[in-house]
PDB file of N, CA and C in Angstrom:
ATOM      1  N   MET A   1     -78.105  -9.832 -28.958  1.00  0.00           N
ATOM      2  CA  MET A   1     -77.527  -8.729 -29.711  1.00  0.00           C
ATOM      3  C   MET A   1     -78.495  -8.350 -30.837  1.00  0.00           C
ATOM      4  N   HIS A   2     -78.658  -7.084 -31.022  1.00  0.00           N
ATOM      5  CA  HIS A   2     -79.492  -6.629 -32.129  1.00  0.00           C
ATOM      6  C   HIS A   2     -78.598  -6.111 -33.247  1.00  0.00           C
ATOM      7  N   CYS A   3     -79.146  -6.150 -34.431  1.00  0.00           N
ATOM      8  CA  CYS A   3     -78.382  -5.774 -35.616  1.00  0.00           C
ATOM      9  C   CYS A   3     -78.780  -4.377 -36.069  1.00  0.00           C
ATOM     10  N   LYS A   4     -78.029  -3.873 -37.034  1.00  0.00           N
ATOM     11  CA  LYS A   4     -78.286  -2.535 -37.567  1.00  0.00           C
ATOM     12  C   LYS A   4     -78.181  -2.559 -39.088  1.00  0.00           C
ATOM     13  N   TYR A   5     -78.904  -1.637 -39.680  1.00  0.00           N
ATOM     14  CA  TYR A   5     -78.775  -1.381 -41.106  1.00  0.00           C
ATOM     15  C   TYR A   5     -77.921  -0.134 -41.256  1.00  0.00           C
ATOM     16  N   ILE A   6     -76.990  -0.180 -42.166  1.00  0.00           N
ATOM     17  CA  ILE A   6     -76.158   0.972 -42.484  1.00  0.00           C
ATOM     18  C   ILE A   6     -76.513   1.368 -43.914  1.00  0.00           C
ATOM     19  N   ILE A   7     -77.088   2.554 -44.046  1.00  0.00           N
ATOM     20  CA  ILE A   7     -77.517   3.027 -45.359  1.00  0.00           C
ATOM     21  C   ILE A   7     -76.594   4.154 -45.782  1.00  0.00           C
ATOM     22  N   GLU A   8     -75.953   3.957 -46.911  1.00  0.00           N
ATOM     23  CA  GLU A   8     -74.975   4.917 -47.417  1.00  0.00           C
ATOM     24  C   GLU A   8     -75.645   5.999 -48.260  1.00  0.00           C
ATOM     25  N   GLY A   9     -74.934   7.072 -48.475  1.00  0.00           N
ATOM     26  CA  GLY A   9     -75.426   8.178 -49.288  1.00  0.00           C
ATOM     27  C   GLY A   9     -75.144   7.989 -50.765  1.00  0.00           C
ATOM     28  N   TYR A  10     -75.031   6.738 -51.190  1.00  0.00           N
ATOM     29  CA  TYR A  10     -74.750   6.415 -52.591  1.00  0.00           C
ATOM     30  C   TYR A  10     -75.745   5.386 -53.092  1.00  0.00           C
ATOM     31  N   THR A  11     -76.050   5.469 -54.371  1.00  0.00           N
ATOM     32  CA  THR A  11     -76.936   4.489 -54.973  1.00  0.00           C
ATOM     33  C   THR A  11     -76.151   3.212 -55.266  1.00  0.00           C
ATOM     34  N   GLU A  12     -76.892   2.172 -55.593  1.00  0.00           N
ATOM     35  CA  GLU A  12     -76.260   0.884 -55.880  1.00  0.00           C
ATOM     36  C   GLU A  12     -75.276   0.967 -57.043  1.00  0.00           C
ATOM     37  N   ASP A  13     -75.503   1.910 -57.970  1.00  0.00           N
ATOM     38  CA  ASP A  13     -74.581   2.045 -59.100  1.00  0.00           C
ATOM     39  C   ASP A  13     -73.465   3.054 -58.840  1.00  0.00           C
ATOM     40  N   GLY A  14     -73.335   3.518 -57.581  1.00  0.00           N
ATOM     41  CA  GLY A  14     -72.196   4.347 -57.194  1.00  0.00           C
ATOM     42  C   GLY A  14     -72.377   5.847 -57.281  1.00  0.00           C
ATOM     43  N   ARG A  15     -73.560   6.316 -57.666  1.00  0.00           N
ATOM     44  CA  ARG A  15     -73.783   7.764 -57.741  1.00  0.00           C
ATOM     45  C   ARG A  15     -74.142   8.317 -56.369  1.00  0.00           C
ATOM     46  N   LYS A  16     -73.671   9.524 -56.077  1.00  0.00           N
ATOM     47  CA  LYS A  16     -74.012  10.188 -54.821  1.00  0.00           C
ATOM     48  C   LYS A  16     -75.483  10.566 -54.862  1.00  0.00           C
ATOM     49  N   PHE A  17     -76.196  10.244 -53.788  1.00  0.00           N
ATOM     50  CA  PHE A  17     -77.632  10.523 -53.745  1.00  0.00           C
ATOM     51  C   PHE A  17     -77.878  11.967 -53.325  1.00  0.00           C
ATOM     52  N   ARG A  18     -78.792  12.627 -54.013  1.00  0.00           N
ATOM     53  CA  ARG A  18     -79.169  14.010 -53.725  1.00  0.00           C
ATOM     54  C   ARG A  18     -80.628  14.060 -53.321  1.00  0.00           C
ATOM     55  N   PRO A  19     -81.042  14.970 -52.474  1.00  0.00           N
ATOM     56  CA  PRO A  19     -80.256  16.067 -51.908  1.00  0.00           C
ATOM     57  C   PRO A  19     -79.292  15.546 -50.848  1.00  0.00           C
ATOM     58  N   SER A  20     -78.237  16.270 -50.644  1.00  0.00           N
ATOM     59  CA  SER A  20     -77.172  15.795 -49.761  1.00  0.00           C
ATOM     60  C   SER A  20     -77.588  15.715 -48.290  1.00  0.00           C
ATOM     61  N   ASP A  21     -78.669  16.387 -47.904  1.00  0.00           N
ATOM     62  CA  ASP A  21     -79.085  16.362 -46.501  1.00  0.00           C
ATOM     63  C   ASP A  21     -80.195  15.340 -46.219  1.00  0.00           C
ATOM     64  N   TRP A  22     -80.406  14.384 -47.108  1.00  0.00           N
ATOM     65  CA  TRP A  22     -81.486  13.421 -46.934  1.00  0.00           C
ATOM     66  C   TRP A  22     -81.337  12.616 -45.652  1.00  0.00           C
ATOM     67  N   ILE A  23     -80.125  12.305 -45.242  1.00  0.00           N
ATOM     68  CA  ILE A  23     -79.908  11.525 -44.020  1.00  0.00           C
ATOM     69  C   ILE A  23     -80.435  12.293 -42.808  1.00  0.00           C
ATOM     70  N   ASP A  24     -80.093  13.560 -42.711  1.00  0.00           N
ATOM     71  CA  ASP A  24     -80.569  14.376 -41.592  1.00  0.00           C
ATOM     72  C   ASP A  24     -82.082  14.539 -41.621  1.00  0.00           C
ATOM     73  N   ARG A  25     -82.633  14.684 -42.801  1.00  0.00           N
ATOM     74  CA  ARG A  25     -84.086  14.850 -42.918  1.00  0.00           C
ATOM     75  C   ARG A  25     -84.824  13.625 -42.398  1.00  0.00           C
ATOM     76  N   ILE A  26     -84.379  12.453 -42.801  1.00  0.00           N
ATOM     77  CA  ILE A  26     -85.048  11.234 -42.354  1.00  0.00           C
ATOM     78  C   ILE A  26     -84.810  11.002 -40.865  1.00  0.00           C
ATOM     79  N   ALA A  27     -83.582  11.173 -40.413  1.00  0.00           N
ATOM     80  CA  ALA A  27     -83.281  10.951 -38.992  1.00  0.00           C
ATOM     81  C   ALA A  27     -84.058  11.913 -38.097  1.00  0.00           C
ATOM     82  N   SER A  28     -84.303  13.122 -38.576  1.00  0.00           N
ATOM     83  CA  SER A  28     -85.011  14.101 -37.753  1.00  0.00           C
ATOM     84  C   SER A  28     -86.485  13.739 -37.568  1.00  0.00           C
ATOM     85  N   MET A  29     -87.002  12.831 -38.364  1.00  0.00           N
ATOM     86  CA  MET A  29     -88.398  12.424 -38.229  1.00  0.00           C
ATOM     87  C   MET A  29     -88.658  11.732 -36.897  1.00  0.00           C
ATOM     88  N   MET A  30     -87.640  11.158 -36.295  1.00  0.00           N
ATOM     89  CA  MET A  30     -87.795  10.510 -34.989  1.00  0.00           C
ATOM     90  C   MET A  30     -87.032  11.244 -33.893  1.00  0.00           C
ATOM     91  N   ALA A  31     -86.448  12.362 -34.219  1.00  0.00           N
ATOM     92  CA  ALA A  31     -85.671  13.119 -33.231  1.00  0.00           C
ATOM     93  C   ALA A  31     -86.604  13.912 -32.317  1.00  0.00           C
ATOM     94  N   THR A  32     -86.071  14.297 -31.178  1.00  0.00           N
ATOM     95  CA  THR A  32     -86.803  15.130 -30.230  1.00  0.00           C
ATOM     96  C   THR A  32     -85.967  16.364 -29.926  1.00  0.00           C
ATOM     97  N   TYR A  33     -86.614  17.348 -29.364  1.00  0.00           N
ATOM     98  CA  TYR A  33     -85.889  18.543 -28.925  1.00  0.00           C
ATOM     99  C   TYR A  33     -85.760  18.494 -27.407  1.00  0.00           C
ATOM    100  N   GLU A  34     -84.552  18.639 -26.942  1.00  0.00           N
ATOM    101  CA  GLU A  34     -84.285  18.699 -25.513  1.00  0.00           C
ATOM    102  C   GLU A  34     -83.360  19.878 -25.271  1.00  0.00           C
ATOM    103  N   HIS A  35     -83.819  20.810 -24.443  1.00  0.00           N
ATOM    104  CA  HIS A  35     -83.035  22.008 -24.127  1.00  0.00           C
ATOM    105  C   HIS A  35     -82.598  22.737 -25.402  1.00  0.00           C
ATOM    106  N   ARG A  36     -83.577  22.909 -26.302  1.00  0.00           N
ATOM    107  CA  ARG A  36     -83.353  23.622 -27.570  1.00  0.00           C
ATOM    108  C   ARG A  36     -82.339  22.938 -28.480  1.00  0.00           C
ATOM    109  N   ARG A  37     -82.200  21.658 -28.321  1.00  0.00           N
ATOM    110  CA  ARG A  37     -81.238  20.900 -29.110  1.00  0.00           C
ATOM    111  C   ARG A  37     -81.898  19.673 -29.711  1.00  0.00           C
ATOM    112  N   LEU A  38     -81.580  19.382 -30.962  1.00  0.00           N
ATOM    113  CA  LEU A  38     -82.120  18.206 -31.629  1.00  0.00           C
ATOM    114  C   LEU A  38     -81.365  16.972 -31.145  1.00  0.00           C
ATOM    115  N   VAL A  39     -82.115  15.990 -30.667  1.00  0.00           N
ATOM    116  CA  VAL A  39     -81.518  14.751 -30.171  1.00  0.00           C
ATOM    117  C   VAL A  39     -82.066  13.605 -31.017  1.00  0.00           C
ATOM    118  N   TYR A  40     -81.183  12.902 -31.705  1.00  0.00           N
ATOM    119  CA  TYR A  40     -81.598  11.804 -32.571  1.00  0.00           C
ATOM    120  C   TYR A  40     -81.916  10.557 -31.760  1.00  0.00           C
ATOM    121  N   SER A  41     -82.826   9.772 -32.278  1.00  0.00           N
ATOM    122  CA  SER A  41     -83.201   8.501 -31.664  1.00  0.00           C
ATOM    123  C   SER A  41     -82.075   7.492 -31.829  1.00  0.00           C
ATOM    124  N   ASP A  42     -81.931   6.606 -30.854  1.00  0.00           N
ATOM    125  CA  ASP A  42     -80.951   5.518 -30.975  1.00  0.00           C
ATOM    126  C   ASP A  42     -81.355   4.536 -32.068  1.00  0.00           C
ATOM    127  N   LEU A  43     -82.615   4.555 -32.440  1.00  0.00           N
ATOM    128  CA  LEU A  43     -83.118   3.619 -33.446  1.00  0.00           C
ATOM    129  C   LEU A  43     -82.935   4.095 -34.874  1.00  0.00           C
ATOM    130  N   LEU A  44     -82.761   5.407 -35.049  1.00  0.00           N
ATOM    131  CA  LEU A  44     -82.646   5.994 -36.380  1.00  0.00           C
ATOM    132  C   LEU A  44     -81.840   7.279 -36.269  1.00  0.00           C
ATOM    133  N   HIS A  45     -80.608   7.241 -36.729  1.00  0.00           N
ATOM    134  CA  HIS A  45     -79.755   8.416 -36.548  1.00  0.00           C
ATOM    135  C   HIS A  45     -78.629   8.469 -37.578  1.00  0.00           C
ATOM    136  N   PRO A  46     -78.115   9.682 -37.835  1.00  0.00           N
ATOM    137  CA  PRO A  46     -76.948   9.807 -38.717  1.00  0.00           C
ATOM    138  C   PRO A  46     -75.694   9.423 -37.946  1.00  0.00           C
ATOM    139  N   GLU A  47     -74.724   8.923 -38.661  1.00  0.00           N
ATOM    140  CA  GLU A  47     -73.469   8.514 -38.022  1.00  0.00           C
ATOM    141  C   GLU A  47     -72.385   8.453 -39.089  1.00  0.00           C
ATOM    142  N   LEU A  48     -71.189   8.838 -38.709  1.00  0.00           N
ATOM    143  CA  LEU A  48     -70.058   8.601 -39.603  1.00  0.00           C
ATOM    144  C   LEU A  48     -69.672   7.146 -39.468  1.00  0.00           C
ATOM    145  N   TYR A  49     -69.560   6.467 -40.584  1.00  0.00           N
ATOM    146  CA  TYR A  49     -69.145   5.070 -40.575  1.00  0.00           C
ATOM    147  C   TYR A  49     -68.137   4.867 -41.699  1.00  0.00           C
ATOM    148  N   ASP A  50     -66.969   4.477 -41.323  1.00  0.00           N
ATOM    149  CA  ASP A  50     -65.877   4.261 -42.271  1.00  0.00           C
ATOM    150  C   ASP A  50     -65.632   5.516 -43.126  1.00  0.00           C
ATOM    151  N   GLY A  51     -65.719   6.682 -42.471  1.00  0.00           N
ATOM    152  CA  GLY A  51     -65.380   7.929 -43.131  1.00  0.00           C
ATOM    153  C   GLY A  51     -66.490   8.602 -43.906  1.00  0.00           C
ATOM    154  N   GLN A  52     -67.679   7.996 -43.957  1.00  0.00           N
ATOM    155  CA  GLN A  52     -68.770   8.635 -44.688  1.00  0.00           C
ATOM    156  C   GLN A  52     -70.028   8.696 -43.825  1.00  0.00           C
ATOM    157  N   LYS A  53     -70.810   9.732 -44.061  1.00  0.00           N
ATOM    158  CA  LYS A  53     -72.041   9.904 -43.315  1.00  0.00           C
ATOM    159  C   LYS A  53     -73.063   8.885 -43.804  1.00  0.00           C
ATOM    160  N   CYS A  54     -73.645   8.168 -42.853  1.00  0.00           N
ATOM    161  CA  CYS A  54     -74.621   7.128 -43.158  1.00  0.00           C
ATOM    162  C   CYS A  54     -75.839   7.287 -42.258  1.00  0.00           C
ATOM    163  N   LEU A  55     -76.911   6.631 -42.629  1.00  0.00           N
ATOM    164  CA  LEU A  55     -78.086   6.542 -41.789  1.00  0.00           C
ATOM    165  C   LEU A  55     -78.043   5.178 -41.123  1.00  0.00           C
ATOM    166  N   ILE A  56     -78.116   5.165 -39.802  1.00  0.00           N
ATOM    167  CA  ILE A  56     -78.069   3.915 -39.048  1.00  0.00           C
ATOM    168  C   ILE A  56     -79.475   3.623 -38.529  1.00  0.00           C
ATOM    169  N   ILE A  57     -79.951   2.418 -38.796  1.00  0.00           N
ATOM    170  CA  ILE A  57     -81.265   1.987 -38.325  1.00  0.00           C
ATOM    171  C   ILE A  57     -81.072   0.749 -37.465  1.00  0.00           C
ATOM    172  N   ASP A  58     -81.534   0.825 -36.240  1.00  0.00           N
ATOM    173  CA  ASP A  58     -81.483  -0.329 -35.351  1.00  0.00           C
ATOM    174  C   ASP A  58     -82.640  -1.263 -35.705  1.00  0.00           C
ATOM    175  N   ASP A  59     -82.393  -2.574 -35.680  1.00  0.00           N
ATOM    176  CA  ASP A  59     -83.425  -3.573 -35.970  1.00  0.00           C
ATOM    177  C   ASP A  59     -84.681  -3.399 -35.130  1.00  0.00           C
ATOM    178  N   ARG A  60     -84.515  -2.915 -33.926  1.00  0.00           N
ATOM    179  CA  ARG A  60     -85.649  -2.778 -33.009  1.00  0.00           C
ATOM    180  C   ARG A  60     -86.703  -1.809 -33.542  1.00  0.00           C
ATOM    181  N   LEU A  61     -86.321  -0.957 -34.497  1.00  0.00           N
ATOM    182  CA  LEU A  61     -87.281  -0.012 -35.080  1.00  0.00           C
ATOM    183  C   LEU A  61     -88.462  -0.750 -35.699  1.00  0.00           C
ATOM    184  N   LYS A  62     -88.204  -1.906 -36.270  1.00  0.00           N
ATOM    185  CA  LYS A  62     -89.261  -2.686 -36.926  1.00  0.00           C
ATOM    186  C   LYS A  62     -90.380  -3.034 -35.946  1.00  0.00           C
ATOM    187  N   ASP A  63     -90.024  -3.347 -34.709  1.00  0.00           N
ATOM    188  CA  ASP A  63     -91.028  -3.695 -33.701  1.00  0.00           C
ATOM    189  C   ASP A  63     -91.582  -2.467 -32.981  1.00  0.00           C
ATOM    190  N   GLU A  64     -90.725  -1.496 -32.728  1.00  0.00           N
ATOM    191  CA  GLU A  64     -91.127  -0.339 -31.927  1.00  0.00           C
ATOM    192  C   GLU A  64     -91.867   0.738 -32.723  1.00  0.00           C
ATOM    193  N   ASN A  65     -91.580   0.827 -34.020  1.00  0.00           N
ATOM    194  CA  ASN A  65     -92.268   1.809 -34.860  1.00  0.00           C
ATOM    195  C   ASN A  65     -92.335   1.255 -36.292  1.00  0.00           C
ATOM    196  N   PRO A  66     -93.215   0.276 -36.518  1.00  0.00           N
ATOM    197  CA  PRO A  66     -93.259  -0.375 -37.836  1.00  0.00           C
ATOM    198  C   PRO A  66     -93.548   0.576 -38.993  1.00  0.00           C
ATOM    199  N   GLY A  67     -94.340   1.604 -38.752  1.00  0.00           N
ATOM    200  CA  GLY A  67     -94.637   2.565 -39.815  1.00  0.00           C
ATOM    201  C   GLY A  67     -93.394   3.305 -40.277  1.00  0.00           C
ATOM    202  N   MET A  68     -92.581   3.745 -39.336  1.00  0.00           N
ATOM    203  CA  MET A  68     -91.343   4.448 -39.673  1.00  0.00           C
ATOM    204  C   MET A  68     -90.359   3.486 -40.354  1.00  0.00           C
ATOM    205  N   TYR A  69     -90.281   2.278 -39.840  1.00  0.00           N
ATOM    206  CA  TYR A  69     -89.401   1.271 -40.438  1.00  0.00           C
ATOM    207  C   TYR A  69     -89.782   1.051 -41.909  1.00  0.00           C
ATOM    208  N   ASP A  70     -91.067   0.849 -42.155  1.00  0.00           N
ATOM    209  CA  ASP A  70     -91.527   0.630 -43.531  1.00  0.00           C
ATOM    210  C   ASP A  70     -91.244   1.844 -44.410  1.00  0.00           C
ATOM    211  N   TYR A  71     -91.464   3.035 -43.881  1.00  0.00           N
ATOM    212  CA  TYR A  71     -91.210   4.259 -44.641  1.00  0.00           C
ATOM    213  C   TYR A  71     -89.747   4.332 -45.078  1.00  0.00           C
ATOM    214  N   VAL A  72     -88.838   4.111 -44.128  1.00  0.00           N
ATOM    215  CA  VAL A  72     -87.403   4.218 -44.439  1.00  0.00           C
ATOM    216  C   VAL A  72     -86.984   3.124 -45.415  1.00  0.00           C
ATOM    217  N   MET A  73     -87.432   1.904 -45.196  1.00  0.00           N
ATOM    218  CA  MET A  73     -87.057   0.803 -46.089  1.00  0.00           C
ATOM    219  C   MET A  73     -87.607   1.020 -47.498  1.00  0.00           C
ATOM    220  N   ASN A  74     -88.815   1.544 -47.607  1.00  0.00           N
ATOM    221  CA  ASN A  74     -89.359   1.847 -48.934  1.00  0.00           C
ATOM    222  C   ASN A  74     -88.570   2.966 -49.611  1.00  0.00           C
ATOM    223  N   PHE A  75     -88.136   3.963 -48.835  1.00  0.00           N
ATOM    224  CA  PHE A  75     -87.314   5.048 -49.364  1.00  0.00           C
ATOM    225  C   PHE A  75     -85.996   4.493 -49.904  1.00  0.00           C
ATOM    226  N   VAL A  76     -85.379   3.608 -49.133  1.00  0.00           N
ATOM    227  CA  VAL A  76     -84.105   3.002 -49.543  1.00  0.00           C
ATOM    228  C   VAL A  76     -84.283   2.201 -50.826  1.00  0.00           C
ATOM    229  N   LYS A  77     -85.306   1.373 -50.875  1.00  0.00           N
ATOM    230  CA  LYS A  77     -85.542   0.537 -52.053  1.00  0.00           C
ATOM    231  C   LYS A  77     -85.901   1.362 -53.281  1.00  0.00           C
ATOM    232  N   SER A  78     -86.790   2.332 -53.123  1.00  0.00           N
ATOM    233  CA  SER A  78     -87.223   3.106 -54.287  1.00  0.00           C
ATOM    234  C   SER A  78     -86.108   3.981 -54.850  1.00  0.00           C
ATOM    235  N   ASN A  79     -85.153   4.367 -54.013  1.00  0.00           N
ATOM    236  CA  ASN A  79     -84.022   5.176 -54.478  1.00  0.00           C
ATOM    237  C   ASN A  79     -82.758   4.352 -54.716  1.00  0.00           C
ATOM    238  N   LYS A  80     -82.877   3.039 -54.548  1.00  0.00           N
ATOM    239  CA  LYS A  80     -81.778   2.098 -54.808  1.00  0.00           C
ATOM    240  C   LYS A  80     -80.496   2.488 -54.076  1.00  0.00           C
ATOM    241  N   LEU A  81     -80.638   2.761 -52.775  1.00  0.00           N
ATOM    242  CA  LEU A  81     -79.482   3.149 -51.968  1.00  0.00           C
ATOM    243  C   LEU A  81     -78.727   1.914 -51.483  1.00  0.00           C
ATOM    244  N   ARG A  82     -77.433   2.074 -51.297  1.00  0.00           N
ATOM    245  CA  ARG A  82     -76.612   0.990 -50.758  1.00  0.00           C
ATOM    246  C   ARG A  82     -76.967   0.781 -49.290  1.00  0.00           C
ATOM    247  N   MET A  83     -77.190  -0.490 -48.938  1.00  0.00           N
ATOM    248  CA  MET A  83     -77.546  -0.799 -47.565  1.00  0.00           C
ATOM    249  C   MET A  83     -76.877  -2.096 -47.143  1.00  0.00           C
ATOM    250  N   SER A  84     -76.362  -2.103 -45.923  1.00  0.00           N
ATOM    251  CA  SER A  84     -75.771  -3.302 -45.342  1.00  0.00           C
ATOM    252  C   SER A  84     -76.517  -3.629 -44.061  1.00  0.00           C
ATOM    253  N   HIS A  85     -76.684  -4.904 -43.791  1.00  0.00           N
ATOM    254  CA  HIS A  85     -77.297  -5.354 -42.539  1.00  0.00           C
ATOM    255  C   HIS A  85     -76.200  -6.050 -41.758  1.00  0.00           C
ATOM    256  N   VAL A  86     -75.810  -5.477 -40.658  1.00  0.00           N
ATOM    257  CA  VAL A  86     -74.700  -6.032 -39.884  1.00  0.00           C
ATOM    258  C   VAL A  86     -75.121  -6.264 -38.443  1.00  0.00           C
ATOM    259  N   CYS A  87     -74.591  -7.321 -37.887  1.00  0.00           N
ATOM    260  CA  CYS A  87     -74.881  -7.641 -36.493  1.00  0.00           C
ATOM    261  C   CYS A  87     -73.655  -7.439 -35.612  1.00  0.00           C
ATOM    262  N   ASP A  88     -72.553  -7.159 -36.226  1.00  0.00           N
ATOM    263  CA  ASP A  88     -71.322  -6.926 -35.478  1.00  0.00           C
ATOM    264  C   ASP A  88     -70.622  -5.719 -36.088  1.00  0.00           C
ATOM    265  N   ILE A  89     -71.065  -4.523 -35.695  1.00  0.00           N
ATOM    266  CA  ILE A  89     -70.503  -3.290 -36.258  1.00  0.00           C
ATOM    267  C   ILE A  89     -69.076  -3.120 -35.785  1.00  0.00           C
ATOM    268  N   ASP A  90     -68.218  -2.800 -36.710  1.00  0.00           N
ATOM    269  CA  ASP A  90     -66.817  -2.522 -36.392  1.00  0.00           C
ATOM    270  C   ASP A  90     -66.750  -1.160 -35.705  1.00  0.00           C
ATOM    271  N   GLN A  91     -66.619  -1.181 -34.394  1.00  0.00           N
ATOM    272  CA  GLN A  91     -66.622   0.042 -33.602  1.00  0.00           C
ATOM    273  C   GLN A  91     -65.506   1.002 -34.005  1.00  0.00           C
ATOM    274  N   ASP A  92     -64.421   0.488 -34.576  1.00  0.00           N
ATOM    275  CA  ASP A  92     -63.331   1.333 -35.023  1.00  0.00           C
ATOM    276  C   ASP A  92     -63.733   2.223 -36.198  1.00  0.00           C
ATOM    277  N   LYS A  93     -64.747   1.801 -36.957  1.00  0.00           N
ATOM    278  CA  LYS A  93     -65.188   2.562 -38.117  1.00  0.00           C
ATOM    279  C   LYS A  93     -66.209   3.639 -37.752  1.00  0.00           C
ATOM    280  N   LEU A  94     -66.829   3.521 -36.586  1.00  0.00           N
ATOM    281  CA  LEU A  94     -67.806   4.519 -36.161  1.00  0.00           C
ATOM    282  C   LEU A  94     -67.135   5.822 -35.797  1.00  0.00           C
ATOM    283  N   GLY A  95     -67.742   6.909 -36.186  1.00  0.00           N
ATOM    284  CA  GLY A  95     -67.247   8.226 -35.835  1.00  0.00           C
ATOM    285  C   GLY A  95     -66.053   8.693 -36.634  1.00  0.00           C
ATOM    286  N   LYS A  96     -65.642   7.917 -37.607  1.00  0.00           N
ATOM    287  CA  LYS A  96     -64.485   8.288 -38.438  1.00  0.00           C
ATOM    288  C   LYS A  96     -64.946   8.726 -39.785  1.00  0.00           C
TER     289      LYS A  96
END
């Protein structure tokens, strides 16, 4: 089983992070266009989790694209965003 990072749109001190579209901007860096439609990577994508939009990073990103992994992790750290590392995602919270 592989784990995932769930990065929230809030800083560690509870403030909403701006700009509000940062999750889509970062996720689109690995997205592709198929039939004129943006398709997000399974390794890095936006997702509703427990009612809020989050950035989901699959652990495999570290091995498959270390540069992108480092970029995202440095972004999270430098902006002090809330992040959880989970290996057993509560499927009931996804998409809500």
